[in-house]
Amino acid sequence: MQKVHEELERILPKAIALAEDIFKNPELGYKEFRSREKVEEALKDAEIPFTEVAYTGLMATLDSGKEGPCIGLVAEFDAVPVLGHPYASSDQNAAHACGHYAQTGVMLAVFLALKEAGVMERLTGKGEALSLQRKNSATWIIEEISSERGRFPIPPASRK
């Protein structure tokens, strides 16, 4: 655990800078192309594989290579329409008034620290991070992933 704390200390400035950048450049849901690019850059730099999901979202994976549970971290990075906010975008009147930018910074810091500390080498299963545009997307993606993998089968009637 000490190694994770050390990595978090090292990574924290980069994660805070990313979160502040997203805060100062808000994008409404399904329009977070710039925010996604910033998260992609950080994942690429750390050599963490990811896939695009839900139009502007990302799913990154840390895999131990051993059979086991899949633990998920979910963060949203969409802004909301807000008039008069000091950091509202001029083109969309979007601002980060709910803390989604901070969720993304925290999730990224935790994910990078787990990788850099070599935690997955001592665990089984996977860790997956979803960086998405809104809660509805996260719920749908989690249901789809769970059903595909045979975990927590979700009856079709509840997927509306």
C-alpha atoms as a PDB file:
ATOM      1  CA  MET A   1       0.000   0.000   0.000  1.00  0.00           C
ATOM      2  CA  GLN A   2       2.936   2.331   0.659  1.00  0.00           C
ATOM      3  CA  LYS A   3       3.932   2.101  -3.016  1.00  0.00           C
ATOM      4  CA  VAL A   4       0.394   3.157  -4.079  1.00  0.00           C
ATOM      5  CA  HIS A   5       0.608   6.189  -1.780  1.00  0.00           C
ATOM      6  CA  GLU A   6       4.008   7.111  -3.194  1.00  0.00           C
ATOM      7  CA  GLU A   7       2.709   6.828  -6.753  1.00  0.00           C
ATOM      8  CA  LEU A   8      -0.357   8.916  -5.894  1.00  0.00           C
ATOM      9  CA  GLU A   9       1.911  11.654  -4.521  1.00  0.00           C
ATOM     10  CA  ARG A  10       3.910  11.589  -7.741  1.00  0.00           C
ATOM     11  CA  ILE A  11       0.860  11.477 -10.034  1.00  0.00           C
ATOM     12  CA  LEU A  12      -1.334  13.951  -8.173  1.00  0.00           C
ATOM     13  CA  PRO A  13      -0.023  17.156  -9.834  1.00  0.00           C
ATOM     14  CA  LYS A  14      -0.688  15.709 -13.305  1.00  0.00           C
ATOM     15  CA  ALA A  15      -4.177  14.508 -12.312  1.00  0.00           C
ATOM     16  CA  ILE A  16      -5.039  17.887 -10.775  1.00  0.00           C
ATOM     17  CA  ALA A  17      -3.797  19.689 -13.894  1.00  0.00           C
ATOM     18  CA  LEU A  18      -5.970  17.435 -16.083  1.00  0.00           C
ATOM     19  CA  ALA A  19      -9.028  18.000 -13.877  1.00  0.00           C
ATOM     20  CA  GLU A  20      -8.465  21.771 -13.888  1.00  0.00           C
ATOM     21  CA  ASP A  21      -8.066  21.746 -17.664  1.00  0.00           C
ATOM     22  CA  ILE A  22     -11.384  19.925 -18.068  1.00  0.00           C
ATOM     23  CA  PHE A  23     -12.982  22.364 -15.593  1.00  0.00           C
ATOM     24  CA  LYS A  24     -11.802  25.357 -17.598  1.00  0.00           C
ATOM     25  CA  ASN A  25     -12.852  23.837 -20.937  1.00  0.00           C
ATOM     26  CA  PRO A  26     -16.345  22.456 -20.271  1.00  0.00           C
ATOM     27  CA  GLU A  27     -18.243  20.400 -22.848  1.00  0.00           C
ATOM     28  CA  LEU A  28     -21.839  19.231 -22.696  1.00  0.00           C
ATOM     29  CA  GLY A  29     -22.722  15.536 -22.735  1.00  0.00           C
ATOM     30  CA  TYR A  30     -21.843  13.723 -25.966  1.00  0.00           C
ATOM     31  CA  LYS A  31     -19.676  16.688 -27.000  1.00  0.00           C
ATOM     32  CA  GLU A  32     -16.658  15.992 -24.747  1.00  0.00           C
ATOM     33  CA  PHE A  33     -14.186  15.403 -27.556  1.00  0.00           C
ATOM     34  CA  ARG A  34     -11.449  17.586 -26.065  1.00  0.00           C
ATOM     35  CA  SER A  35     -11.921  16.106 -22.573  1.00  0.00           C
ATOM     36  CA  ARG A  36     -11.747  12.594 -24.001  1.00  0.00           C
ATOM     37  CA  GLU A  37      -8.518  13.463 -25.848  1.00  0.00           C
ATOM     38  CA  LYS A  38      -6.934  14.654 -22.586  1.00  0.00           C
ATOM     39  CA  VAL A  39      -7.840  11.411 -20.803  1.00  0.00           C
ATOM     40  CA  GLU A  40      -6.666   9.371 -23.826  1.00  0.00           C
ATOM     41  CA  GLU A  41      -3.268  11.127 -23.729  1.00  0.00           C
ATOM     42  CA  ALA A  42      -2.809  10.267 -20.052  1.00  0.00           C
ATOM     43  CA  LEU A  43      -3.771   6.621 -20.646  1.00  0.00           C
ATOM     44  CA  LYS A  44      -1.464   6.338 -23.668  1.00  0.00           C
ATOM     45  CA  ASP A  45       1.431   7.883 -21.722  1.00  0.00           C
ATOM     46  CA  ALA A  46       0.899   5.246 -19.004  1.00  0.00           C
ATOM     47  CA  GLU A  47       0.494   2.474 -21.608  1.00  0.00           C
ATOM     48  CA  ILE A  48      -2.950   1.582 -20.284  1.00  0.00           C
ATOM     49  CA  PRO A  49      -5.175   0.039 -22.970  1.00  0.00           C
ATOM     50  CA  PHE A  50      -8.580   1.603 -23.548  1.00  0.00           C
ATOM     51  CA  THR A  51     -11.514   1.461 -25.923  1.00  0.00           C
ATOM     52  CA  GLU A  52     -14.037   4.085 -26.948  1.00  0.00           C
ATOM     53  CA  VAL A  53     -17.546   3.566 -25.602  1.00  0.00           C
ATOM     54  CA  ALA A  54     -20.837   5.460 -25.668  1.00  0.00           C
ATOM     55  CA  TYR A  55     -19.790   7.923 -28.384  1.00  0.00           C
ATOM     56  CA  THR A  56     -17.394  10.142 -26.367  1.00  0.00           C
ATOM     57  CA  GLY A  57     -16.599   7.844 -23.444  1.00  0.00           C
ATOM     58  CA  LEU A  58     -13.618   5.618 -22.709  1.00  0.00           C
ATOM     59  CA  MET A  59     -13.105   2.337 -20.922  1.00  0.00           C
ATOM     60  CA  ALA A  60      -9.578   1.605 -19.687  1.00  0.00           C
ATOM     61  CA  THR A  61      -8.464  -1.779 -18.389  1.00  0.00           C
ATOM     62  CA  LEU A  62      -5.821  -2.975 -15.956  1.00  0.00           C
ATOM     63  CA  ASP A  63      -5.672  -6.750 -16.264  1.00  0.00           C
ATOM     64  CA  SER A  64      -3.799  -9.093 -13.940  1.00  0.00           C
ATOM     65  CA  GLY A  65      -3.977 -11.836 -16.560  1.00  0.00           C
ATOM     66  CA  LYS A  66      -5.485 -14.109 -13.913  1.00  0.00           C
ATOM     67  CA  GLU A  67      -9.075 -15.215 -13.477  1.00  0.00           C
ATOM     68  CA  GLY A  68     -10.961 -13.152 -10.935  1.00  0.00           C
ATOM     69  CA  PRO A  69     -13.448 -10.368 -10.329  1.00  0.00           C
ATOM     70  CA  CYS A  70     -13.733  -7.210 -12.378  1.00  0.00           C
ATOM     71  CA  ILE A  71     -13.788  -4.024 -10.306  1.00  0.00           C
ATOM     72  CA  GLY A  72     -15.035  -0.849 -11.970  1.00  0.00           C
ATOM     73  CA  LEU A  73     -14.409   2.841 -11.411  1.00  0.00           C
ATOM     74  CA  VAL A  74     -16.848   5.219 -13.053  1.00  0.00           C
ATOM     75  CA  ALA A  75     -16.321   8.931 -13.610  1.00  0.00           C
ATOM     76  CA  GLU A  76     -18.347  11.368 -15.638  1.00  0.00           C
ATOM     77  CA  PHE A  77     -16.826  14.307 -17.463  1.00  0.00           C
ATOM     78  CA  ASP A  78     -19.777  16.142 -18.958  1.00  0.00           C
ATOM     79  CA  ALA A  79     -20.614  19.721 -18.055  1.00  0.00           C
ATOM     80  CA  VAL A  80     -24.119  21.133 -17.608  1.00  0.00           C
ATOM     81  CA  PRO A  81     -25.772  24.228 -19.097  1.00  0.00           C
ATOM     82  CA  VAL A  82     -25.168  27.129 -16.677  1.00  0.00           C
ATOM     83  CA  LEU A  83     -25.619  30.830 -17.369  1.00  0.00           C
ATOM     84  CA  GLY A  84     -23.271  33.268 -15.699  1.00  0.00           C
ATOM     85  CA  HIS A  85     -20.693  30.767 -14.448  1.00  0.00           C
ATOM     86  CA  PRO A  86     -17.175  32.293 -14.599  1.00  0.00           C
ATOM     87  CA  TYR A  87     -15.886  29.291 -16.568  1.00  0.00           C
ATOM     88  CA  ALA A  88     -18.959  28.730 -18.745  1.00  0.00           C
ATOM     89  CA  SER A  89     -18.084  28.075 -22.363  1.00  0.00           C
ATOM     90  CA  SER A  90     -19.175  30.840 -24.687  1.00  0.00           C
ATOM     91  CA  ASP A  91     -20.418  28.463 -27.391  1.00  0.00           C
ATOM     92  CA  GLN A  92     -22.463  26.052 -25.232  1.00  0.00           C
ATOM     93  CA  ASN A  93     -23.006  27.950 -21.935  1.00  0.00           C
ATOM     94  CA  ALA A  94     -21.636  24.792 -20.346  1.00  0.00           C
ATOM     95  CA  ALA A  95     -19.863  24.721 -16.994  1.00  0.00           C
ATOM     96  CA  HIS A  96     -18.621  22.131 -14.530  1.00  0.00           C
ATOM     97  CA  ALA A  97     -20.960  22.933 -11.668  1.00  0.00           C
ATOM     98  CA  CYS A  98     -21.286  19.330 -10.373  1.00  0.00           C
ATOM     99  CA  GLY A  99     -17.715  18.137  -9.893  1.00  0.00           C
ATOM    100  CA  HIS A 100     -17.488  15.744 -12.845  1.00  0.00           C
ATOM    101  CA  TYR A 101     -14.097  17.184 -13.756  1.00  0.00           C
ATOM    102  CA  ALA A 102     -12.869  16.192 -10.270  1.00  0.00           C
ATOM    103  CA  GLN A 103     -14.273  12.658 -10.646  1.00  0.00           C
ATOM    104  CA  THR A 104     -12.190  12.240 -13.777  1.00  0.00           C
ATOM    105  CA  GLY A 105      -9.031  13.542 -12.088  1.00  0.00           C
ATOM    106  CA  VAL A 106      -9.475  11.257  -9.070  1.00  0.00           C
ATOM    107  CA  MET A 107     -10.287   8.183 -11.177  1.00  0.00           C
ATOM    108  CA  LEU A 108      -7.290   8.767 -13.398  1.00  0.00           C
ATOM    109  CA  ALA A 109      -4.969   9.286 -10.408  1.00  0.00           C
ATOM    110  CA  VAL A 110      -6.148   6.058  -8.766  1.00  0.00           C
ATOM    111  CA  PHE A 111      -5.875   4.071 -11.992  1.00  0.00           C
ATOM    112  CA  LEU A 112      -2.389   5.361 -12.801  1.00  0.00           C
ATOM    113  CA  ALA A 113      -1.189   4.763  -9.230  1.00  0.00           C
ATOM    114  CA  LEU A 114      -2.479   1.180  -9.233  1.00  0.00           C
ATOM    115  CA  LYS A 115      -0.668   0.500 -12.497  1.00  0.00           C
ATOM    116  CA  GLU A 116       2.590   2.201 -11.568  1.00  0.00           C
ATOM    117  CA  ALA A 117       2.676   0.543  -8.131  1.00  0.00           C
ATOM    118  CA  GLY A 118       2.337  -2.897  -9.774  1.00  0.00           C
ATOM    119  CA  VAL A 119      -0.789  -3.738  -7.779  1.00  0.00           C
ATOM    120  CA  MET A 120      -2.322  -5.881 -10.513  1.00  0.00           C
ATOM    121  CA  GLU A 121       0.640  -8.246 -10.378  1.00  0.00           C
ATOM    122  CA  ARG A 122      -0.448  -9.229  -6.859  1.00  0.00           C
ATOM    123  CA  LEU A 123      -4.172  -9.459  -7.597  1.00  0.00           C
ATOM    124  CA  THR A 124      -6.495 -11.555  -9.708  1.00  0.00           C
ATOM    125  CA  GLY A 125      -9.049 -10.228 -12.145  1.00  0.00           C
ATOM    126  CA  LYS A 126      -9.317  -6.810 -13.748  1.00  0.00           C
ATOM    127  CA  GLY A 127      -9.865  -3.199 -12.952  1.00  0.00           C
ATOM    128  CA  GLU A 128     -11.833  -1.162 -15.457  1.00  0.00           C
ATOM    129  CA  ALA A 129     -12.314   2.572 -15.503  1.00  0.00           C
ATOM    130  CA  LEU A 130     -15.198   4.136 -17.367  1.00  0.00           C
ATOM    131  CA  SER A 131     -14.909   7.803 -18.187  1.00  0.00           C
ATOM    132  CA  LEU A 132     -18.292   8.794 -19.535  1.00  0.00           C
ATOM    133  CA  GLN A 133     -20.547  11.664 -20.352  1.00  0.00           C
ATOM    134  CA  ARG A 134     -23.427  10.986 -17.987  1.00  0.00           C
ATOM    135  CA  LYS A 135     -24.881   8.596 -15.454  1.00  0.00           C
ATOM    136  CA  ASN A 136     -27.346   7.095 -17.933  1.00  0.00           C
ATOM    137  CA  SER A 137     -24.450   6.024 -20.143  1.00  0.00           C
ATOM    138  CA  ALA A 138     -22.621   4.448 -17.214  1.00  0.00           C
ATOM    139  CA  THR A 139     -25.655   2.424 -16.186  1.00  0.00           C
ATOM    140  CA  TRP A 140     -26.244   1.184 -19.729  1.00  0.00           C
ATOM    141  CA  ILE A 141     -22.564   0.319 -20.315  1.00  0.00           C
ATOM    142  CA  ILE A 142     -22.252  -1.530 -16.993  1.00  0.00           C
ATOM    143  CA  GLU A 143     -25.392  -3.531 -17.768  1.00  0.00           C
ATOM    144  CA  GLU A 144     -24.115  -4.408 -21.237  1.00  0.00           C
ATOM    145  CA  ILE A 145     -20.654  -5.417 -20.008  1.00  0.00           C
ATOM    146  CA  SER A 146     -22.108  -7.462 -17.164  1.00  0.00           C
ATOM    147  CA  SER A 147     -24.514  -9.293 -19.461  1.00  0.00           C
ATOM    148  CA  GLU A 148     -21.858  -9.966 -22.111  1.00  0.00           C
ATOM    149  CA  ARG A 149     -19.515 -11.498 -19.578  1.00  0.00           C
ATOM    150  CA  GLY A 150     -22.165 -13.608 -17.912  1.00  0.00           C
ATOM    151  CA  ARG A 151     -21.950 -11.709 -14.654  1.00  0.00           C
ATOM    152  CA  PHE A 152     -25.028 -10.337 -12.994  1.00  0.00           C
ATOM    153  CA  PRO A 153     -27.337 -11.199 -15.890  1.00  0.00           C
ATOM    154  CA  ILE A 154     -29.830  -8.410 -16.364  1.00  0.00           C
ATOM    155  CA  PRO A 155     -33.279  -9.332 -17.656  1.00  0.00           C
ATOM    156  CA  PRO A 156     -34.069  -7.541 -20.960  1.00  0.00           C
ATOM    157  CA  ALA A 157     -37.218  -5.992 -19.464  1.00  0.00           C
ATOM    158  CA  SER A 158     -35.123  -3.964 -16.992  1.00  0.00           C
ATOM    159  CA  ARG A 159     -32.909  -2.391 -19.702  1.00  0.00           C
ATOM    160  CA  LYS A 160     -35.344   0.324 -20.701  1.00  0.00           C
END
